[in-house]
Amino acid sequence: MREFSESYLSRTREGMWGDSRDALEPLALESRDRILDVGCGTGELSRVLAAESPGEVIGCDADPDLLAAAGEHVPVVAGDAFQLPFPDDTVDLVVCQALLINLPEPAAALTEFARVSTDLVAAVEPDNAAVEIDSSVDAEGALERRARRAYLDGVNTDVALGDDAREAFDAAGLEVLETRRYDHVRTVEPPYSDGALTAARRKATGDGLADDRATLLAGALTEGEYDDLRGSWREMGRDVIEQMRDRDYRRTERVPFYVTVGRVPKS
C-alpha cells in the first residue's frame, strides 16, 4: 500500500463534501449507531460522518502520524485494513475513502470490512483516469493527461477503480445496493493559497513529477520520454508562476468519485 503525507491528504481532500453530501445518502448515516472509517488518514471523511450521524464514529489507519491528526476530531485506533483490530459484528457501517485504489487486493479488504459490520460496507473511490483539468495555461491540461496515462500504466494498483468497485464488492460476497457519483472540484484562483503557490513552484522545478518518477518509468515510458515530459512540465510551471504574478492564473480540476454501498449477507 502506498503511503501519503498529512499535507498531501489535506491538499487533495480539501473542500471535499462541503455542503453537497447527497452521494452519502445511501449510507443512512442518520440511523447509524457505530461507524468505522478505515484508512481515515487525517480524518476528513470521519468529520463528515460524525456531523451527519448521531452514532459513534471511529477512525482507523496504519499511520500513527495521520491518526494523531484524525484523533483531534474522533476516537481513533491503529490498524491494518486487511486485519482490523475489532471482533466480528462490531459496527453497523464500515466505510473507506480513496483506500481501495491503493490496495493490491481490494476484495480482501472488503471481506474484512464485512466481518466487522452487521449491515453495510461502503467505499468512496475515485476514477483517476477520468480527471478533467481546465487551466489558463494552455499546455497544462495536455501535459497532465500525458503524465496521468504514464502513471496509470506504471502503478501497481487500480487507481482508476471508481465505478468498477462493485466488482470487488461482488468478489467479497457483498450485495451491491447502489453506486452514486460525486465530483470533487478543486479550484485555484486569486488570491492564491500557500498550497497553490507551493504546487506552482514544484511544477517549475519538476519536483512534483520527480516524486512519481519510479512509477512513471515502471510502465512503457522510456527515460528519454520522461526527460522530455519533465522538461515540458517545468516550462509549463514557469508559465503558471508568470500568470500568478499577474493574477491571471485559473485552474479547475474535477475528480469523479463513486460511492458504492453493499450489504453484508445475513448468516
C-alpha atoms as a PDB file:
ATOM      1  CA  MET A   1       0.000   0.000   0.000  1.00  0.00           C
ATOM      2  CA  ARG A   2       1.289   3.470  -0.872  1.00  0.00           C
ATOM      3  CA  GLU A   3       1.853   5.961   1.932  1.00  0.00           C
ATOM      4  CA  PHE A   4       0.813   9.603   1.876  1.00  0.00           C
ATOM      5  CA  SER A   5       1.823  12.600   3.945  1.00  0.00           C
ATOM      6  CA  GLU A   6      -0.572  14.640   6.042  1.00  0.00           C
ATOM      7  CA  SER A   7      -0.042  17.667   3.778  1.00  0.00           C
ATOM      8  CA  TYR A   8      -0.817  15.619   0.641  1.00  0.00           C
ATOM      9  CA  LEU A   9      -4.051  14.239   2.089  1.00  0.00           C
ATOM     10  CA  SER A  10      -5.155  17.641   3.326  1.00  0.00           C
ATOM     11  CA  ARG A  11      -4.438  19.232  -0.054  1.00  0.00           C
ATOM     12  CA  THR A  12      -6.165  16.580  -2.190  1.00  0.00           C
ATOM     13  CA  ARG A  13      -9.224  16.246   0.073  1.00  0.00           C
ATOM     14  CA  GLU A  14      -9.615  19.923   0.983  1.00  0.00           C
ATOM     15  CA  GLY A  15     -13.193  21.050   0.447  1.00  0.00           C
ATOM     16  CA  MET A  16     -14.460  17.573  -0.346  1.00  0.00           C
ATOM     17  CA  TRP A  17     -18.130  17.113   0.519  1.00  0.00           C
ATOM     18  CA  GLY A  18     -18.604  20.714   1.665  1.00  0.00           C
ATOM     19  CA  ASP A  19     -22.337  21.361   1.630  1.00  0.00           C
ATOM     20  CA  SER A  20     -23.096  18.694  -1.014  1.00  0.00           C
ATOM     21  CA  ARG A  21     -23.437  15.292   0.604  1.00  0.00           C
ATOM     22  CA  ASP A  22     -26.226  13.707  -1.452  1.00  0.00           C
ATOM     23  CA  ALA A  23     -23.919  10.909  -2.604  1.00  0.00           C
ATOM     24  CA  LEU A  24     -23.642   9.750   1.022  1.00  0.00           C
ATOM     25  CA  GLU A  25     -27.422   9.343   1.367  1.00  0.00           C
ATOM     26  CA  PRO A  26     -27.386   5.544   0.759  1.00  0.00           C
ATOM     27  CA  LEU A  27     -25.245   5.139   3.908  1.00  0.00           C
ATOM     28  CA  ALA A  28     -28.276   6.142   6.022  1.00  0.00           C
ATOM     29  CA  LEU A  29     -25.951   7.967   8.390  1.00  0.00           C
ATOM     30  CA  GLU A  30     -28.813   9.357  10.434  1.00  0.00           C
ATOM     31  CA  SER A  31     -29.672   5.827  11.631  1.00  0.00           C
ATOM     32  CA  ARG A  32     -26.156   4.560  12.404  1.00  0.00           C
ATOM     33  CA  ASP A  33     -25.060   3.574  15.922  1.00  0.00           C
ATOM     34  CA  ARG A  34     -21.379   2.933  15.244  1.00  0.00           C
ATOM     35  CA  ILE A  35     -19.324   3.705  12.132  1.00  0.00           C
ATOM     36  CA  LEU A  36     -15.762   2.651  11.314  1.00  0.00           C
ATOM     37  CA  ASP A  37     -13.762   4.790   8.852  1.00  0.00           C
ATOM     38  CA  VAL A  38     -10.903   2.592   7.595  1.00  0.00           C
ATOM     39  CA  GLY A  39      -7.858   4.326   6.157  1.00  0.00           C
ATOM     40  CA  CYS A  40      -9.173   7.514   7.723  1.00  0.00           C
ATOM     41  CA  GLY A  41      -5.954   9.456   7.138  1.00  0.00           C
ATOM     42  CA  THR A  42      -6.239  12.862   8.758  1.00  0.00           C
ATOM     43  CA  GLY A  43      -9.954  12.371   9.336  1.00  0.00           C
ATOM     44  CA  GLU A  44     -11.608  14.466   6.614  1.00  0.00           C
ATOM     45  CA  LEU A  45     -14.342  11.902   5.989  1.00  0.00           C
ATOM     46  CA  SER A  46     -14.538  10.986   9.681  1.00  0.00           C
ATOM     47  CA  ARG A  47     -15.553  14.562  10.491  1.00  0.00           C
ATOM     48  CA  VAL A  48     -18.311  14.473   7.863  1.00  0.00           C
ATOM     49  CA  LEU A  49     -19.588  11.144   9.184  1.00  0.00           C
ATOM     50  CA  ALA A  50     -19.599  12.470  12.750  1.00  0.00           C
ATOM     51  CA  ALA A  51     -21.508  15.575  11.677  1.00  0.00           C
ATOM     52  CA  GLU A  52     -24.150  13.557   9.814  1.00  0.00           C
ATOM     53  CA  SER A  53     -24.635  10.681  12.258  1.00  0.00           C
ATOM     54  CA  PRO A  54     -25.819  10.614  15.886  1.00  0.00           C
ATOM     55  CA  GLY A  55     -23.748   7.474  16.454  1.00  0.00           C
ATOM     56  CA  GLU A  56     -20.094   6.972  17.318  1.00  0.00           C
ATOM     57  CA  VAL A  57     -17.506   7.332  14.552  1.00  0.00           C
ATOM     58  CA  ILE A  58     -14.133   5.598  14.905  1.00  0.00           C
ATOM     59  CA  GLY A  59     -11.157   6.317  12.653  1.00  0.00           C
ATOM     60  CA  CYS A  60      -8.702   3.547  11.780  1.00  0.00           C
ATOM     61  CA  ASP A  61      -5.381   3.918   9.971  1.00  0.00           C
ATOM     62  CA  ALA A  62      -1.975   2.245   9.899  1.00  0.00           C
ATOM     63  CA  ASP A  63      -0.068   5.555  10.002  1.00  0.00           C
ATOM     64  CA  PRO A  64       0.356   6.938  13.548  1.00  0.00           C
ATOM     65  CA  ASP A  65       1.110  10.464  12.323  1.00  0.00           C
ATOM     66  CA  LEU A  66      -2.136  10.627  10.350  1.00  0.00           C
ATOM     67  CA  LEU A  67      -4.050   9.121  13.260  1.00  0.00           C
ATOM     68  CA  ALA A  68      -2.764  11.873  15.538  1.00  0.00           C
ATOM     69  CA  ALA A  69      -4.418  14.454  13.269  1.00  0.00           C
ATOM     70  CA  ALA A  70      -7.657  12.474  12.940  1.00  0.00           C
ATOM     71  CA  GLY A  71      -7.736  11.904  16.688  1.00  0.00           C
ATOM     72  CA  GLU A  72      -8.381  15.587  17.264  1.00  0.00           C
ATOM     73  CA  HIS A  73     -11.897  15.024  15.922  1.00  0.00           C
ATOM     74  CA  VAL A  74     -12.933  11.381  16.512  1.00  0.00           C
ATOM     75  CA  PRO A  75     -11.722   8.353  18.527  1.00  0.00           C
ATOM     76  CA  VAL A  76      -9.021   6.503  16.571  1.00  0.00           C
ATOM     77  CA  VAL A  77      -7.461   3.049  16.517  1.00  0.00           C
ATOM     78  CA  ALA A  78      -4.292   1.898  14.758  1.00  0.00           C
ATOM     79  CA  GLY A  79      -4.982  -0.961  12.378  1.00  0.00           C
ATOM     80  CA  ASP A  80      -4.440  -2.702   9.058  1.00  0.00           C
ATOM     81  CA  ALA A  81      -7.275  -2.781   6.512  1.00  0.00           C
ATOM     82  CA  PHE A  82      -6.662  -6.500   5.934  1.00  0.00           C
ATOM     83  CA  GLN A  83      -6.683  -7.369   9.637  1.00  0.00           C
ATOM     84  CA  LEU A  84      -8.825  -4.929  11.583  1.00  0.00           C
ATOM     85  CA  PRO A  85      -8.366  -4.876  15.370  1.00  0.00           C
ATOM     86  CA  PHE A  86     -12.065  -5.497  16.053  1.00  0.00           C
ATOM     87  CA  PRO A  87     -14.163  -8.600  16.728  1.00  0.00           C
ATOM     88  CA  ASP A  88     -16.937  -9.705  14.383  1.00  0.00           C
ATOM     89  CA  ASP A  89     -20.056  -7.523  14.141  1.00  0.00           C
ATOM     90  CA  THR A  90     -18.548  -4.530  15.954  1.00  0.00           C
ATOM     91  CA  VAL A  91     -20.156  -1.729  13.895  1.00  0.00           C
ATOM     92  CA  ASP A  92     -23.139  -1.295  11.615  1.00  0.00           C
ATOM     93  CA  LEU A  93     -21.240   0.555   8.869  1.00  0.00           C
ATOM     94  CA  VAL A  94     -17.675   0.318   7.606  1.00  0.00           C
ATOM     95  CA  VAL A  95     -16.633   2.993   5.119  1.00  0.00           C
ATOM     96  CA  CYS A  96     -13.409   3.977   3.371  1.00  0.00           C
ATOM     97  CA  GLN A  97     -12.414   6.846   1.107  1.00  0.00           C
ATOM     98  CA  ALA A  98      -9.699   6.607  -1.575  1.00  0.00           C
ATOM     99  CA  LEU A  99      -8.339   3.479   0.102  1.00  0.00           C
ATOM    100  CA  LEU A 100      -9.176   0.570  -2.214  1.00  0.00           C
ATOM    101  CA  ILE A 101      -7.348   2.255  -5.112  1.00  0.00           C
ATOM    102  CA  ASN A 102      -4.132   1.942  -3.082  1.00  0.00           C
ATOM    103  CA  LEU A 103      -4.546  -1.709  -2.086  1.00  0.00           C
ATOM    104  CA  PRO A 104      -3.269  -4.670  -4.131  1.00  0.00           C
ATOM    105  CA  GLU A 105      -6.298  -6.790  -3.148  1.00  0.00           C
ATOM    106  CA  PRO A 106      -9.350  -4.556  -2.594  1.00  0.00           C
ATOM    107  CA  ALA A 107     -11.751  -7.518  -2.380  1.00  0.00           C
ATOM    108  CA  ALA A 108      -9.749  -8.967   0.517  1.00  0.00           C
ATOM    109  CA  ALA A 109     -10.084  -5.688   2.406  1.00  0.00           C
ATOM    110  CA  LEU A 110     -13.827  -5.570   1.720  1.00  0.00           C
ATOM    111  CA  THR A 111     -14.155  -9.111   3.050  1.00  0.00           C
ATOM    112  CA  GLU A 112     -12.514  -7.952   6.269  1.00  0.00           C
ATOM    113  CA  PHE A 113     -14.814  -4.916   6.408  1.00  0.00           C
ATOM    114  CA  ALA A 114     -17.818  -7.235   6.094  1.00  0.00           C
ATOM    115  CA  ARG A 115     -16.540  -9.306   9.013  1.00  0.00           C
ATOM    116  CA  VAL A 116     -16.780  -6.394  11.454  1.00  0.00           C
ATOM    117  CA  SER A 117     -20.013  -4.875  10.063  1.00  0.00           C
ATOM    118  CA  THR A 118     -23.517  -6.055  10.870  1.00  0.00           C
ATOM    119  CA  ASP A 119     -25.123  -4.177   7.995  1.00  0.00           C
ATOM    120  CA  LEU A 120     -23.362  -2.023   5.374  1.00  0.00           C
ATOM    121  CA  VAL A 121     -19.948  -1.587   3.793  1.00  0.00           C
ATOM    122  CA  ALA A 122     -19.281   1.492   1.649  1.00  0.00           C
ATOM    123  CA  ALA A 123     -16.341   2.677  -0.449  1.00  0.00           C
ATOM    124  CA  VAL A 124     -15.783   6.192  -1.793  1.00  0.00           C
ATOM    125  CA  GLU A 125     -13.292   5.686  -4.623  1.00  0.00           C
ATOM    126  CA  PRO A 126     -12.101   7.945  -7.461  1.00  0.00           C
ATOM    127  CA  ASP A 127     -11.659   7.189 -11.135  1.00  0.00           C
ATOM    128  CA  ASN A 128      -8.273   8.805 -11.617  1.00  0.00           C
ATOM    129  CA  ALA A 129      -8.321   8.004 -15.328  1.00  0.00           C
ATOM    130  CA  ALA A 130     -11.245  10.394 -15.820  1.00  0.00           C
ATOM    131  CA  VAL A 131      -9.840  13.506 -14.092  1.00  0.00           C
ATOM    132  CA  GLU A 132     -10.548  16.696 -16.049  1.00  0.00           C
ATOM    133  CA  ILE A 133      -8.295  19.767 -15.976  1.00  0.00           C
ATOM    134  CA  ASP A 134      -9.236  23.243 -17.219  1.00  0.00           C
ATOM    135  CA  SER A 135      -6.329  25.696 -16.984  1.00  0.00           C
ATOM    136  CA  SER A 136      -5.497  29.186 -18.187  1.00  0.00           C
ATOM    137  CA  VAL A 137      -2.057  27.785 -19.111  1.00  0.00           C
ATOM    138  CA  ASP A 138      -2.737  26.110 -22.439  1.00  0.00           C
ATOM    139  CA  ALA A 139      -0.178  23.314 -22.036  1.00  0.00           C
ATOM    140  CA  GLU A 140      -1.197  22.240 -18.525  1.00  0.00           C
ATOM    141  CA  GLY A 141      -4.202  20.066 -19.345  1.00  0.00           C
ATOM    142  CA  ALA A 142      -2.442  18.113 -22.102  1.00  0.00           C
ATOM    143  CA  LEU A 143       0.696  17.582 -20.006  1.00  0.00           C
ATOM    144  CA  GLU A 144      -1.329  16.365 -17.030  1.00  0.00           C
ATOM    145  CA  ARG A 145      -3.172  13.889 -19.254  1.00  0.00           C
ATOM    146  CA  ARG A 146       0.148  12.660 -20.644  1.00  0.00           C
ATOM    147  CA  ALA A 147       1.626  12.213 -17.172  1.00  0.00           C
ATOM    148  CA  ARG A 148      -1.549  10.554 -15.899  1.00  0.00           C
ATOM    149  CA  ARG A 149      -1.548   7.979 -18.711  1.00  0.00           C
ATOM    150  CA  ALA A 150       2.057   7.070 -17.918  1.00  0.00           C
ATOM    151  CA  TYR A 151       1.309   6.894 -14.194  1.00  0.00           C
ATOM    152  CA  LEU A 152      -1.708   4.639 -14.699  1.00  0.00           C
ATOM    153  CA  ASP A 153       0.444   2.388 -16.882  1.00  0.00           C
ATOM    154  CA  GLY A 154       3.128   2.074 -14.201  1.00  0.00           C
ATOM    155  CA  VAL A 155       1.209   1.967 -10.919  1.00  0.00           C
ATOM    156  CA  ASN A 156       0.638  -1.474  -9.370  1.00  0.00           C
ATOM    157  CA  THR A 157      -2.866  -0.885  -8.013  1.00  0.00           C
ATOM    158  CA  ASP A 158      -6.127   0.108  -9.716  1.00  0.00           C
ATOM    159  CA  VAL A 159      -6.158   3.868  -9.120  1.00  0.00           C
ATOM    160  CA  ALA A 160      -8.999   4.187 -11.638  1.00  0.00           C
ATOM    161  CA  LEU A 161     -11.234   1.794  -9.652  1.00  0.00           C
ATOM    162  CA  GLY A 162     -14.118   4.261  -9.349  1.00  0.00           C
ATOM    163  CA  ASP A 163     -17.404   2.811 -10.563  1.00  0.00           C
ATOM    164  CA  ASP A 164     -15.783  -0.619 -11.004  1.00  0.00           C
ATOM    165  CA  ALA A 165     -15.552  -1.038  -7.232  1.00  0.00           C
ATOM    166  CA  ARG A 166     -18.752  -3.085  -7.473  1.00  0.00           C
ATOM    167  CA  GLU A 167     -16.658  -5.926  -8.957  1.00  0.00           C
ATOM    168  CA  ALA A 168     -14.611  -6.061  -5.752  1.00  0.00           C
ATOM    169  CA  PHE A 169     -17.826  -5.922  -3.711  1.00  0.00           C
ATOM    170  CA  ASP A 170     -19.188  -8.892  -5.648  1.00  0.00           C
ATOM    171  CA  ALA A 171     -15.957 -10.808  -5.090  1.00  0.00           C
ATOM    172  CA  ALA A 172     -16.249 -10.126  -1.349  1.00  0.00           C
ATOM    173  CA  GLY A 173     -19.771 -11.534  -1.285  1.00  0.00           C
ATOM    174  CA  LEU A 174     -21.435  -8.176  -0.652  1.00  0.00           C
ATOM    175  CA  GLU A 175     -24.789  -7.315  -2.189  1.00  0.00           C
ATOM    176  CA  VAL A 176     -24.307  -4.012  -4.041  1.00  0.00           C
ATOM    177  CA  LEU A 177     -27.239  -1.749  -3.247  1.00  0.00           C
ATOM    178  CA  GLU A 178     -26.263   1.423  -5.078  1.00  0.00           C
ATOM    179  CA  THR A 179     -23.459   3.429  -6.646  1.00  0.00           C
ATOM    180  CA  ARG A 180     -23.573   7.216  -6.767  1.00  0.00           C
ATOM    181  CA  ARG A 181     -21.169   9.628  -8.419  1.00  0.00           C
ATOM    182  CA  TYR A 182     -19.754  12.652  -6.663  1.00  0.00           C
ATOM    183  CA  ASP A 183     -17.429  15.108  -8.439  1.00  0.00           C
ATOM    184  CA  HIS A 184     -14.777  16.667  -6.238  1.00  0.00           C
ATOM    185  CA  VAL A 185     -13.902  20.021  -7.824  1.00  0.00           C
ATOM    186  CA  ARG A 186     -10.759  21.862  -6.776  1.00  0.00           C
ATOM    187  CA  THR A 187     -10.234  25.424  -7.995  1.00  0.00           C
ATOM    188  CA  VAL A 188      -7.132  27.614  -7.992  1.00  0.00           C
ATOM    189  CA  GLU A 189      -7.733  31.337  -8.439  1.00  0.00           C
ATOM    190  CA  PRO A 190      -6.655  34.644  -6.868  1.00  0.00           C
ATOM    191  CA  PRO A 191      -5.910  35.161  -4.069  1.00  0.00           C
ATOM    192  CA  TYR A 192      -3.644  32.127  -4.268  1.00  0.00           C
ATOM    193  CA  SER A 193      -3.221  29.958  -1.199  1.00  0.00           C
ATOM    194  CA  ASP A 194       0.183  28.950   0.128  1.00  0.00           C
ATOM    195  CA  GLY A 195      -0.532  25.441  -1.100  1.00  0.00           C
ATOM    196  CA  ALA A 196      -1.235  26.679  -4.631  1.00  0.00           C
ATOM    197  CA  LEU A 197       1.986  28.707  -4.661  1.00  0.00           C
ATOM    198  CA  THR A 198       3.987  25.704  -3.456  1.00  0.00           C
ATOM    199  CA  ALA A 199       2.404  23.488  -6.127  1.00  0.00           C
ATOM    200  CA  ALA A 200       3.340  26.028  -8.814  1.00  0.00           C
ATOM    201  CA  ARG A 201       6.956  26.137  -7.647  1.00  0.00           C
ATOM    202  CA  ARG A 202       7.130  22.337  -7.685  1.00  0.00           C
ATOM    203  CA  LYS A 203       5.880  22.334 -11.264  1.00  0.00           C
ATOM    204  CA  ALA A 204       8.546  24.861 -12.278  1.00  0.00           C
ATOM    205  CA  THR A 205      11.313  22.770 -10.689  1.00  0.00           C
ATOM    206  CA  GLY A 206       9.883  19.455 -11.852  1.00  0.00           C
ATOM    207  CA  ASP A 207       9.920  18.145  -8.277  1.00  0.00           C
ATOM    208  CA  GLY A 208       6.264  17.147  -8.354  1.00  0.00           C
ATOM    209  CA  LEU A 209       6.801  14.938 -11.385  1.00  0.00           C
ATOM    210  CA  ALA A 210      10.068  13.601  -9.965  1.00  0.00           C
ATOM    211  CA  ASP A 211       8.201  12.264  -6.925  1.00  0.00           C
ATOM    212  CA  ASP A 212       6.450   9.805  -9.269  1.00  0.00           C
ATOM    213  CA  ARG A 213       9.486   9.044 -11.447  1.00  0.00           C
ATOM    214  CA  ALA A 214       9.756   5.389 -10.458  1.00  0.00           C
ATOM    215  CA  THR A 215       6.073   4.759 -11.155  1.00  0.00           C
ATOM    216  CA  LEU A 216       6.149   6.644 -14.456  1.00  0.00           C
ATOM    217  CA  LEU A 217       9.116   4.566 -15.634  1.00  0.00           C
ATOM    218  CA  ALA A 218       7.589   1.279 -14.455  1.00  0.00           C
ATOM    219  CA  GLY A 219       5.275   1.309 -17.471  1.00  0.00           C
ATOM    220  CA  ALA A 220       6.018   1.897 -21.136  1.00  0.00           C
ATOM    221  CA  LEU A 221       7.517   5.386 -20.676  1.00  0.00           C
ATOM    222  CA  THR A 222      11.229   5.493 -21.541  1.00  0.00           C
ATOM    223  CA  GLU A 223      13.928   7.524 -19.801  1.00  0.00           C
ATOM    224  CA  GLY A 224      14.109   9.833 -22.801  1.00  0.00           C
ATOM    225  CA  GLU A 225      10.351  10.329 -22.837  1.00  0.00           C
ATOM    226  CA  TYR A 226      10.396  11.027 -19.103  1.00  0.00           C
ATOM    227  CA  ASP A 227      13.123  13.654 -19.526  1.00  0.00           C
ATOM    228  CA  ASP A 228      11.139  15.277 -22.354  1.00  0.00           C
ATOM    229  CA  LEU A 229       7.988  15.255 -20.243  1.00  0.00           C
ATOM    230  CA  ARG A 230       9.776  16.761 -17.256  1.00  0.00           C
ATOM    231  CA  GLY A 231      11.293  19.498 -19.410  1.00  0.00           C
ATOM    232  CA  SER A 232       7.878  20.429 -20.787  1.00  0.00           C
ATOM    233  CA  TRP A 233       6.440  20.187 -17.260  1.00  0.00           C
ATOM    234  CA  ARG A 234       8.981  22.669 -15.897  1.00  0.00           C
ATOM    235  CA  GLU A 235       8.292  25.083 -18.767  1.00  0.00           C
ATOM    236  CA  MET A 236       4.577  24.813 -18.035  1.00  0.00           C
ATOM    237  CA  GLY A 237       5.298  25.514 -14.368  1.00  0.00           C
ATOM    238  CA  ARG A 238       7.152  28.681 -15.241  1.00  0.00           C
ATOM    239  CA  ASP A 239       4.124  29.807 -17.261  1.00  0.00           C
ATOM    240  CA  VAL A 240       1.913  29.100 -14.237  1.00  0.00           C
ATOM    241  CA  ILE A 241       4.116  31.234 -11.993  1.00  0.00           C
ATOM    242  CA  GLU A 242       4.182  34.054 -14.546  1.00  0.00           C
ATOM    243  CA  GLN A 243       0.383  34.081 -14.734  1.00  0.00           C
ATOM    244  CA  MET A 244       0.194  34.002 -10.951  1.00  0.00           C
ATOM    245  CA  ARG A 245       2.363  37.108 -10.762  1.00  0.00           C
ATOM    246  CA  ASP A 246      -0.199  38.851 -12.959  1.00  0.00           C
ATOM    247  CA  ARG A 247      -3.065  37.238 -11.006  1.00  0.00           C
ATOM    248  CA  ASP A 248      -4.304  35.701 -14.256  1.00  0.00           C
ATOM    249  CA  TYR A 249      -3.874  32.027 -13.413  1.00  0.00           C
ATOM    250  CA  ARG A 250      -7.006  29.911 -13.115  1.00  0.00           C
ATOM    251  CA  ARG A 251      -7.201  26.133 -12.762  1.00  0.00           C
ATOM    252  CA  THR A 252     -10.116  23.772 -12.167  1.00  0.00           C
ATOM    253  CA  GLU A 253      -9.678  20.066 -11.511  1.00  0.00           C
ATOM    254  CA  ARG A 254     -12.658  17.714 -11.480  1.00  0.00           C
ATOM    255  CA  VAL A 255     -12.131  14.267  -9.916  1.00  0.00           C
ATOM    256  CA  PRO A 256     -15.053  11.822 -10.210  1.00  0.00           C
ATOM    257  CA  PHE A 257     -15.650   9.743  -7.058  1.00  0.00           C
ATOM    258  CA  TYR A 258     -18.072   6.848  -6.802  1.00  0.00           C
ATOM    259  CA  VAL A 259     -19.815   5.889  -3.568  1.00  0.00           C
ATOM    260  CA  THR A 260     -20.505   2.149  -3.711  1.00  0.00           C
ATOM    261  CA  VAL A 261     -22.662   0.677  -0.940  1.00  0.00           C
ATOM    262  CA  GLY A 262     -23.030  -3.031  -0.221  1.00  0.00           C
ATOM    263  CA  ARG A 263     -24.989  -5.055   2.322  1.00  0.00           C
ATOM    264  CA  VAL A 264     -23.399  -7.760   4.440  1.00  0.00           C
ATOM    265  CA  PRO A 265     -25.189 -11.088   3.824  1.00  0.00           C
ATOM    266  CA  LYS A 266     -27.130 -12.413   6.787  1.00  0.00           C
ATOM    267  CA  SER A 267     -25.775 -15.666   8.172  1.00  0.00           C
END
